[in-house]
Amino acid sequence: MASGHIVGYVRVSSVDQNDVRQLDGIKVDRTFTDKASGKDTKRPQLTAALTHLREGDTLVVHSMDRLARNLDDLRKIVLDLTAKGVKVQFMKENLTFTGEDSPMSNLLLSVMGAFAQFERELIKERQREGIAIAKKEGVYKGRQPSLSAERAAELVKRAAAGEPKAGLAREFGISRAALYVYLGRDAA
């Protein structure tokens, strides 16, 4: 059998984060990039990468927390891939999993994955504490609406007139979910 492909997976949490540096200098045959939170595995490009990978391939990821922030998800992905004959390589941690891993490799996967999950939970806790303090001090006002009151009224009026919602969302520069929030506000 010919040697497999090297497939890169990149994840950044927001659209403005730089995704280029994660696999910088690493030759890959194909890269899948998600611009989404790592809180769960419901990410379109992760799903595409997992579907694309075949026996003999190698999945290269910058670090464990880019693949999953939850220990259970991380272990499941790595174990499922290695069971299919796919190698999983984490560059930052300098770890490679093949399915024929030693007990030490499995321990490292669990420990490093637990640290990634712990870090995420600490960040969320600090964020909640910071918001609570800011609210108490009257500084935190929450997220500002995407549309002004006038633009929101125009959106509602045009949607009520039967214009396609997908087109309205594109034109107003908002997601379909945000569009329905605006339409729901006025319907209440």
Protein backbone atom coordinates (compact mmCIF):
# COMPACT_ATOMS: atom_id res chain seq x y z
CA MET A 1 0.00 0.00 0.00
CA ALA A 2 1.31 3.48 -0.84
CA SER A 3 2.03 5.83 2.05
CA GLY A 4 -0.94 7.89 3.12
CA HIS A 5 -1.67 11.57 2.97
CA ILE A 6 -0.71 14.12 5.58
CA VAL A 7 -3.83 16.01 6.55
CA GLY A 8 -3.72 19.16 8.65
CA TYR A 9 -6.47 20.34 10.97
CA VAL A 10 -6.53 23.95 12.16
CA ARG A 11 -8.99 25.58 14.53
CA VAL A 12 -9.21 29.19 15.64
CA SER A 13 -11.90 30.47 17.97
CA SER A 14 -12.79 33.60 16.03
CA VAL A 15 -12.68 34.86 12.47
CA ASP A 16 -10.01 37.48 13.21
CA GLN A 17 -7.52 35.03 14.75
CA ASN A 18 -4.54 34.01 12.62
CA ASP A 19 -4.80 30.39 11.53
CA VAL A 20 -1.65 30.38 9.38
CA ARG A 21 0.90 29.95 12.18
CA GLN A 22 -0.61 26.72 13.52
CA LEU A 23 0.86 24.48 10.82
CA ASP A 24 3.50 26.90 9.57
CA GLY A 25 6.42 25.04 8.00
CA ILE A 26 4.67 21.65 8.00
CA LYS A 27 4.05 20.10 4.59
CA VAL A 28 0.50 18.78 4.35
CA ASP A 29 -1.44 17.42 1.41
CA ARG A 30 -4.69 18.99 2.56
CA THR A 31 -5.79 21.29 5.37
CA PHE A 32 -9.18 21.58 7.04
CA THR A 33 -9.78 24.83 8.96
CA ASP A 34 -12.57 25.65 11.40
CA LYS A 35 -13.21 29.10 12.77
CA ALA A 36 -15.22 27.97 15.76
CA SER A 37 -15.03 27.25 19.45
CA GLY A 38 -13.49 23.98 20.51
CA LYS A 39 -16.10 23.39 23.19
CA ASP A 40 -17.55 20.44 21.28
CA THR A 41 -16.89 18.40 18.14
CA LYS A 42 -19.76 19.85 16.08
CA ARG A 43 -17.47 21.66 13.65
CA PRO A 44 -17.98 21.31 9.87
CA GLN A 45 -14.31 21.10 8.88
CA LEU A 46 -13.47 18.68 11.69
CA THR A 47 -16.29 16.43 10.48
CA ALA A 48 -14.98 16.75 6.90
CA ALA A 49 -11.42 15.93 8.01
CA LEU A 50 -12.53 12.89 10.00
CA THR A 51 -14.55 11.65 7.02
CA HIS A 52 -11.65 12.30 4.62
CA LEU A 53 -8.98 10.41 6.60
CA ARG A 54 -8.14 6.86 5.49
CA GLU A 55 -5.91 4.07 6.76
CA GLY A 56 -2.26 5.08 6.40
CA ASP A 57 -3.00 8.82 6.61
CA THR A 58 -1.62 11.13 9.28
CA LEU A 59 -3.65 13.87 10.94
CA VAL A 60 -1.40 16.75 12.01
CA VAL A 61 -2.72 19.24 14.57
CA HIS A 62 -0.84 22.13 16.19
CA SER A 63 -1.87 21.13 19.71
CA MET A 64 -4.39 18.97 21.53
CA ASP A 65 -6.57 21.92 22.52
CA ARG A 66 -7.02 22.79 18.83
CA LEU A 67 -8.59 19.36 18.25
CA ALA A 68 -10.72 19.21 21.41
CA ARG A 69 -11.06 21.04 24.71
CA ASN A 70 -12.84 18.17 26.39
CA LEU A 71 -10.88 15.10 27.49
CA ASP A 72 -13.65 12.69 26.47
CA ASP A 73 -13.89 14.21 22.96
CA LEU A 74 -10.10 14.23 22.54
CA ARG A 75 -9.72 10.59 23.57
CA LYS A 76 -12.65 9.51 21.37
CA ILE A 77 -11.28 11.26 18.27
CA VAL A 78 -7.74 9.94 18.76
CA LEU A 79 -8.88 6.38 19.58
CA ASP A 80 -11.37 6.29 16.66
CA LEU A 81 -8.74 7.50 14.21
CA THR A 82 -5.99 5.19 15.39
CA ALA A 83 -8.43 2.26 15.27
CA LYS A 84 -8.89 3.11 11.55
CA GLY A 85 -5.11 3.04 11.03
CA VAL A 86 -4.68 6.83 11.03
CA LYS A 87 -1.74 8.37 12.90
CA VAL A 88 -2.51 11.47 14.98
CA GLN A 89 0.33 13.92 15.53
CA PHE A 90 0.30 16.91 17.89
CA MET A 91 3.14 19.32 17.07
CA LYS A 92 3.26 21.47 20.23
CA GLU A 93 3.23 18.48 22.58
CA ASN A 94 5.52 16.48 20.25
CA LEU A 95 3.25 13.44 20.58
CA THR A 96 2.19 10.93 17.93
CA PHE A 97 -0.48 8.27 18.40
CA THR A 98 -0.61 5.22 16.16
CA GLY A 99 -2.97 2.78 17.85
CA GLU A 100 -0.02 0.67 18.97
CA ASP A 101 0.71 3.14 21.73
CA SER A 102 2.41 2.36 24.99
CA PRO A 103 0.69 2.81 28.33
CA MET A 104 2.84 5.95 28.73
CA SER A 105 1.43 7.43 25.49
CA ASN A 106 -2.12 6.77 26.66
CA LEU A 107 -1.33 8.36 30.02
CA LEU A 108 0.12 11.43 28.28
CA LEU A 109 -2.99 11.72 26.08
CA SER A 110 -5.21 11.67 29.16
CA VAL A 111 -3.07 14.04 31.23
CA MET A 112 -2.48 16.58 28.45
CA GLY A 113 -6.14 16.43 27.43
CA ALA A 114 -7.18 16.97 31.05
CA PHE A 115 -4.97 20.07 31.20
CA ALA A 116 -6.60 21.47 28.03
CA GLN A 117 -10.06 20.92 29.52
CA PHE A 118 -8.99 22.43 32.87
CA GLU A 119 -7.60 25.51 31.10
CA ARG A 120 -10.86 26.04 29.21
CA GLU A 121 -12.89 25.77 32.41
CA LEU A 122 -10.58 28.27 34.17
CA ILE A 123 -10.98 30.75 31.31
CA LYS A 124 -14.79 30.44 31.46
CA GLU A 125 -14.75 30.89 35.24
CA ARG A 126 -12.56 34.01 35.01
CA GLN A 127 -14.81 35.40 32.28
CA ARG A 128 -17.94 34.89 34.42
CA GLU A 129 -16.23 36.50 37.42
CA GLY A 130 -15.10 39.46 35.32
CA ILE A 131 -18.59 40.00 33.91
CA ALA A 132 -20.12 39.80 37.39
CA ILE A 133 -17.68 42.43 38.71
CA ALA A 134 -18.25 44.68 35.68
CA LYS A 135 -22.05 44.40 36.09
CA LYS A 136 -21.76 45.26 39.78
CA GLU A 137 -19.70 48.34 38.87
CA GLY A 138 -22.19 49.31 36.15
CA VAL A 139 -19.55 48.95 33.44
CA TYR A 140 -20.85 45.83 31.66
CA LYS A 141 -23.75 46.53 29.35
CA GLY A 142 -23.75 43.24 27.45
CA ARG A 143 -23.35 42.79 23.73
CA GLN A 144 -24.50 45.70 21.60
CA PRO A 145 -27.15 44.96 18.95
CA SER A 146 -25.85 44.39 15.42
CA LEU A 147 -28.50 46.69 13.91
CA SER A 148 -29.71 50.12 14.88
CA ALA A 149 -33.38 50.47 15.80
CA GLU A 150 -34.10 51.94 12.34
CA ARG A 151 -32.32 49.11 10.49
CA ALA A 152 -34.06 46.51 12.69
CA ALA A 153 -37.45 48.06 11.91
CA GLU A 154 -36.63 48.01 8.18
CA LEU A 155 -35.61 44.34 8.46
CA VAL A 156 -38.86 43.39 10.21
CA LYS A 157 -40.93 45.33 7.69
CA ARG A 158 -39.24 43.71 4.68
CA ALA A 159 -39.47 40.21 6.19
CA ALA A 160 -43.20 40.78 6.86
CA ALA A 161 -43.56 41.80 3.21
CA GLY A 162 -42.33 38.33 2.25
CA GLU A 163 -38.71 38.98 1.21
CA PRO A 164 -36.53 35.84 1.48
CA LYS A 165 -34.95 35.66 4.91
CA ALA A 166 -31.58 34.31 3.71
CA GLY A 167 -31.21 37.29 1.35
CA LEU A 168 -32.17 39.73 4.11
CA ALA A 169 -29.62 38.21 6.49
CA ARG A 170 -26.88 38.57 3.85
CA GLU A 171 -27.86 42.13 2.98
CA PHE A 172 -28.01 43.24 6.62
CA GLY A 173 -24.75 41.43 7.44
CA ILE A 174 -26.24 39.23 10.17
CA SER A 175 -26.65 35.49 10.65
CA ARG A 176 -29.96 33.73 10.06
CA ALA A 177 -30.12 33.10 13.82
CA ALA A 178 -29.72 36.84 14.51
CA LEU A 179 -32.39 37.59 11.91
CA TYR A 180 -34.87 35.37 13.75
CA VAL A 181 -33.97 37.07 17.04
CA TYR A 182 -34.84 40.45 15.48
CA LEU A 183 -38.06 39.06 14.00
CA GLY A 184 -38.97 37.48 17.35
CA ARG A 185 -38.41 40.75 19.22
CA ASP A 186 -41.02 42.48 17.14
CA ALA A 187 -43.44 39.57 17.16
CA ALA A 188 -43.57 39.57 20.96
